[in-house]
């Protein structure tokens, strides 16, 4: 009788430990790349990036020209814009647990 109670207890502890070790995993992805400002010498000016999901802005960053930006976003389709010009790539797809690389060029030349 004591042995079966011990085994039941051990089984319960192992089941709880297994469930505790299971994580939901990442729920976001990363959108990154280099960006250039829309006008002027790139080493002086700043790129003003905005990330939209549909028509809703969800994040923004200001980075020195030619620098790397990084947004952590839920999975979905996004548009990256650069103030003063369209910049970026329409319909960028961010996937859970993955990194998507998109460079935002100077499109105002």
C-alpha atoms as a PDB file:
ATOM      1  CA  UNK A   1       0.000   0.000   0.000  1.00  0.00           C
ATOM      2  CA  UNK A   2       2.794   2.439   0.865  1.00  0.00           C
ATOM      3  CA  UNK A   3       4.589   1.665  -2.408  1.00  0.00           C
ATOM      4  CA  UNK A   4       1.527   2.467  -4.506  1.00  0.00           C
ATOM      5  CA  UNK A   5       0.964   5.742  -2.640  1.00  0.00           C
ATOM      6  CA  UNK A   6       4.636   6.613  -3.229  1.00  0.00           C
ATOM      7  CA  UNK A   7       4.327   5.877  -6.947  1.00  0.00           C
ATOM      8  CA  UNK A   8       1.144   7.948  -7.182  1.00  0.00           C
ATOM      9  CA  UNK A   9       2.891  10.853  -5.456  1.00  0.00           C
ATOM     10  CA  UNK A  10       5.928  10.545  -7.731  1.00  0.00           C
ATOM     11  CA  UNK A  11       3.660  10.400 -10.783  1.00  0.00           C
ATOM     12  CA  UNK A  12       1.809  13.512  -9.676  1.00  0.00           C
ATOM     13  CA  UNK A  13       5.043  15.404  -9.031  1.00  0.00           C
ATOM     14  CA  UNK A  14       6.406  14.412 -12.456  1.00  0.00           C
ATOM     15  CA  UNK A  15       3.192  15.503 -14.180  1.00  0.00           C
ATOM     16  CA  UNK A  16       3.281  18.884 -12.449  1.00  0.00           C
ATOM     17  CA  UNK A  17       6.971  19.335 -13.260  1.00  0.00           C
ATOM     18  CA  UNK A  18       6.325  18.486 -16.902  1.00  0.00           C
ATOM     19  CA  UNK A  19       3.488  21.001 -17.158  1.00  0.00           C
ATOM     20  CA  UNK A  20       5.548  23.669 -15.410  1.00  0.00           C
ATOM     21  CA  UNK A  21       8.374  23.115 -17.904  1.00  0.00           C
ATOM     22  CA  UNK A  22       6.070  23.701 -20.843  1.00  0.00           C
ATOM     23  CA  UNK A  23       6.090  27.315 -21.868  1.00  0.00           C
ATOM     24  CA  UNK A  24       3.748  28.948 -24.279  1.00  0.00           C
ATOM     25  CA  UNK A  25       6.751  29.941 -26.387  1.00  0.00           C
ATOM     26  CA  UNK A  26       7.235  33.286 -28.085  1.00  0.00           C
ATOM     27  CA  UNK A  27       4.179  35.331 -28.923  1.00  0.00           C
ATOM     28  CA  UNK A  28       6.025  37.968 -30.920  1.00  0.00           C
ATOM     29  CA  UNK A  29       8.416  38.291 -33.820  1.00  0.00           C
ATOM     30  CA  UNK A  30      11.119  40.812 -34.671  1.00  0.00           C
ATOM     31  CA  UNK A  31      11.161  43.310 -37.533  1.00  0.00           C
ATOM     32  CA  UNK A  32      14.632  44.703 -38.117  1.00  0.00           C
ATOM     33  CA  UNK A  33      16.833  46.243 -40.780  1.00  0.00           C
ATOM     34  CA  UNK A  34      18.786  49.360 -41.633  1.00  0.00           C
ATOM     35  CA  UNK A  35      17.098  52.685 -42.288  1.00  0.00           C
ATOM     36  CA  UNK A  36      18.172  55.901 -43.945  1.00  0.00           C
ATOM     37  CA  UNK A  37      16.633  59.347 -43.530  1.00  0.00           C
ATOM     38  CA  UNK A  38      14.543  60.752 -46.304  1.00  0.00           C
ATOM     39  CA  UNK A  39      16.727  63.786 -46.975  1.00  0.00           C
ATOM     40  CA  UNK A  40      20.202  65.209 -46.396  1.00  0.00           C
ATOM     41  CA  UNK A  41      23.503  63.531 -45.590  1.00  0.00           C
ATOM     42  CA  UNK A  42      22.780  60.193 -43.980  1.00  0.00           C
ATOM     43  CA  UNK A  43      25.386  60.564 -41.258  1.00  0.00           C
ATOM     44  CA  UNK A  44      23.727  63.767 -39.963  1.00  0.00           C
ATOM     45  CA  UNK A  45      20.009  63.145 -40.293  1.00  0.00           C
ATOM     46  CA  UNK A  46      17.689  60.809 -38.473  1.00  0.00           C
ATOM     47  CA  UNK A  47      15.243  58.318 -39.973  1.00  0.00           C
ATOM     48  CA  UNK A  48      11.793  58.662 -38.387  1.00  0.00           C
ATOM     49  CA  UNK A  49      10.162  55.248 -38.732  1.00  0.00           C
ATOM     50  CA  UNK A  50       6.558  54.360 -37.979  1.00  0.00           C
ATOM     51  CA  UNK A  51       5.134  50.842 -38.109  1.00  0.00           C
ATOM     52  CA  UNK A  52       1.465  50.541 -39.066  1.00  0.00           C
ATOM     53  CA  UNK A  53      -0.874  47.580 -38.774  1.00  0.00           C
ATOM     54  CA  UNK A  54      -3.570  48.503 -41.242  1.00  0.00           C
ATOM     55  CA  UNK A  55      -4.100  52.214 -40.645  1.00  0.00           C
ATOM     56  CA  UNK A  56      -3.149  52.082 -36.952  1.00  0.00           C
ATOM     57  CA  UNK A  57       0.376  53.122 -35.903  1.00  0.00           C
ATOM     58  CA  UNK A  58       1.723  50.482 -33.500  1.00  0.00           C
ATOM     59  CA  UNK A  59       5.330  51.579 -32.915  1.00  0.00           C
ATOM     60  CA  UNK A  60       7.894  54.197 -33.917  1.00  0.00           C
ATOM     61  CA  UNK A  61      11.618  54.872 -33.684  1.00  0.00           C
ATOM     62  CA  UNK A  62      14.114  57.572 -34.546  1.00  0.00           C
ATOM     63  CA  UNK A  63      17.508  56.256 -35.580  1.00  0.00           C
ATOM     64  CA  UNK A  64      20.637  57.809 -37.101  1.00  0.00           C
ATOM     65  CA  UNK A  65      20.889  57.305 -40.848  1.00  0.00           C
ATOM     66  CA  UNK A  66      22.259  53.899 -41.815  1.00  0.00           C
ATOM     67  CA  UNK A  67      21.634  52.444 -38.355  1.00  0.00           C
ATOM     68  CA  UNK A  68      19.727  49.300 -37.487  1.00  0.00           C
ATOM     69  CA  UNK A  69      16.178  49.513 -36.162  1.00  0.00           C
ATOM     70  CA  UNK A  70      14.369  46.775 -34.231  1.00  0.00           C
ATOM     71  CA  UNK A  71      10.667  46.364 -33.463  1.00  0.00           C
ATOM     72  CA  UNK A  72       9.218  43.476 -31.431  1.00  0.00           C
ATOM     73  CA  UNK A  73       5.687  42.906 -32.736  1.00  0.00           C
ATOM     74  CA  UNK A  74       2.828  40.423 -32.588  1.00  0.00           C
ATOM     75  CA  UNK A  75       2.522  38.294 -35.735  1.00  0.00           C
ATOM     76  CA  UNK A  76       0.785  39.974 -38.654  1.00  0.00           C
ATOM     77  CA  UNK A  77       1.136  42.243 -41.690  1.00  0.00           C
ATOM     78  CA  UNK A  78       2.770  45.639 -41.248  1.00  0.00           C
ATOM     79  CA  UNK A  79       3.868  48.711 -43.193  1.00  0.00           C
ATOM     80  CA  UNK A  80       7.035  50.618 -42.251  1.00  0.00           C
ATOM     81  CA  UNK A  81       7.055  54.291 -43.230  1.00  0.00           C
ATOM     82  CA  UNK A  82       9.838  56.843 -43.191  1.00  0.00           C
ATOM     83  CA  UNK A  83       8.779  60.438 -42.462  1.00  0.00           C
ATOM     84  CA  UNK A  84       8.877  62.505 -45.607  1.00  0.00           C
ATOM     85  CA  UNK A  85       8.466  59.555 -47.933  1.00  0.00           C
ATOM     86  CA  UNK A  86       6.870  56.170 -48.307  1.00  0.00           C
ATOM     87  CA  UNK A  87       9.944  54.195 -47.175  1.00  0.00           C
ATOM     88  CA  UNK A  88       9.954  50.567 -46.157  1.00  0.00           C
ATOM     89  CA  UNK A  89       8.042  47.709 -47.648  1.00  0.00           C
ATOM     90  CA  UNK A  90       4.265  47.337 -47.692  1.00  0.00           C
ATOM     91  CA  UNK A  91       2.814  44.138 -46.303  1.00  0.00           C
ATOM     92  CA  UNK A  92       5.837  43.062 -44.292  1.00  0.00           C
ATOM     93  CA  UNK A  93       4.894  39.818 -42.571  1.00  0.00           C
ATOM     94  CA  UNK A  94       6.084  39.261 -39.003  1.00  0.00           C
ATOM     95  CA  UNK A  95       5.893  35.660 -37.788  1.00  0.00           C
ATOM     96  CA  UNK A  96       5.964  34.392 -34.211  1.00  0.00           C
ATOM     97  CA  UNK A  97       9.471  33.533 -33.034  1.00  0.00           C
ATOM     98  CA  UNK A  98      11.090  34.722 -36.271  1.00  0.00           C
ATOM     99  CA  UNK A  99      13.118  37.720 -37.391  1.00  0.00           C
ATOM    100  CA  UNK A 100      12.092  39.584 -40.542  1.00  0.00           C
ATOM    101  CA  UNK A 101      14.719  41.819 -42.193  1.00  0.00           C
ATOM    102  CA  UNK A 102      13.564  44.873 -44.157  1.00  0.00           C
ATOM    103  CA  UNK A 103      15.811  47.779 -45.089  1.00  0.00           C
ATOM    104  CA  UNK A 104      14.160  51.189 -45.310  1.00  0.00           C
ATOM    105  CA  UNK A 105      15.985  53.102 -48.062  1.00  0.00           C
ATOM    106  CA  UNK A 106      16.094  56.829 -48.778  1.00  0.00           C
ATOM    107  CA  UNK A 107      13.278  57.015 -51.330  1.00  0.00           C
ATOM    108  CA  UNK A 108      13.278  60.823 -51.489  1.00  0.00           C
ATOM    109  CA  UNK A 109      16.287  61.161 -53.825  1.00  0.00           C
END
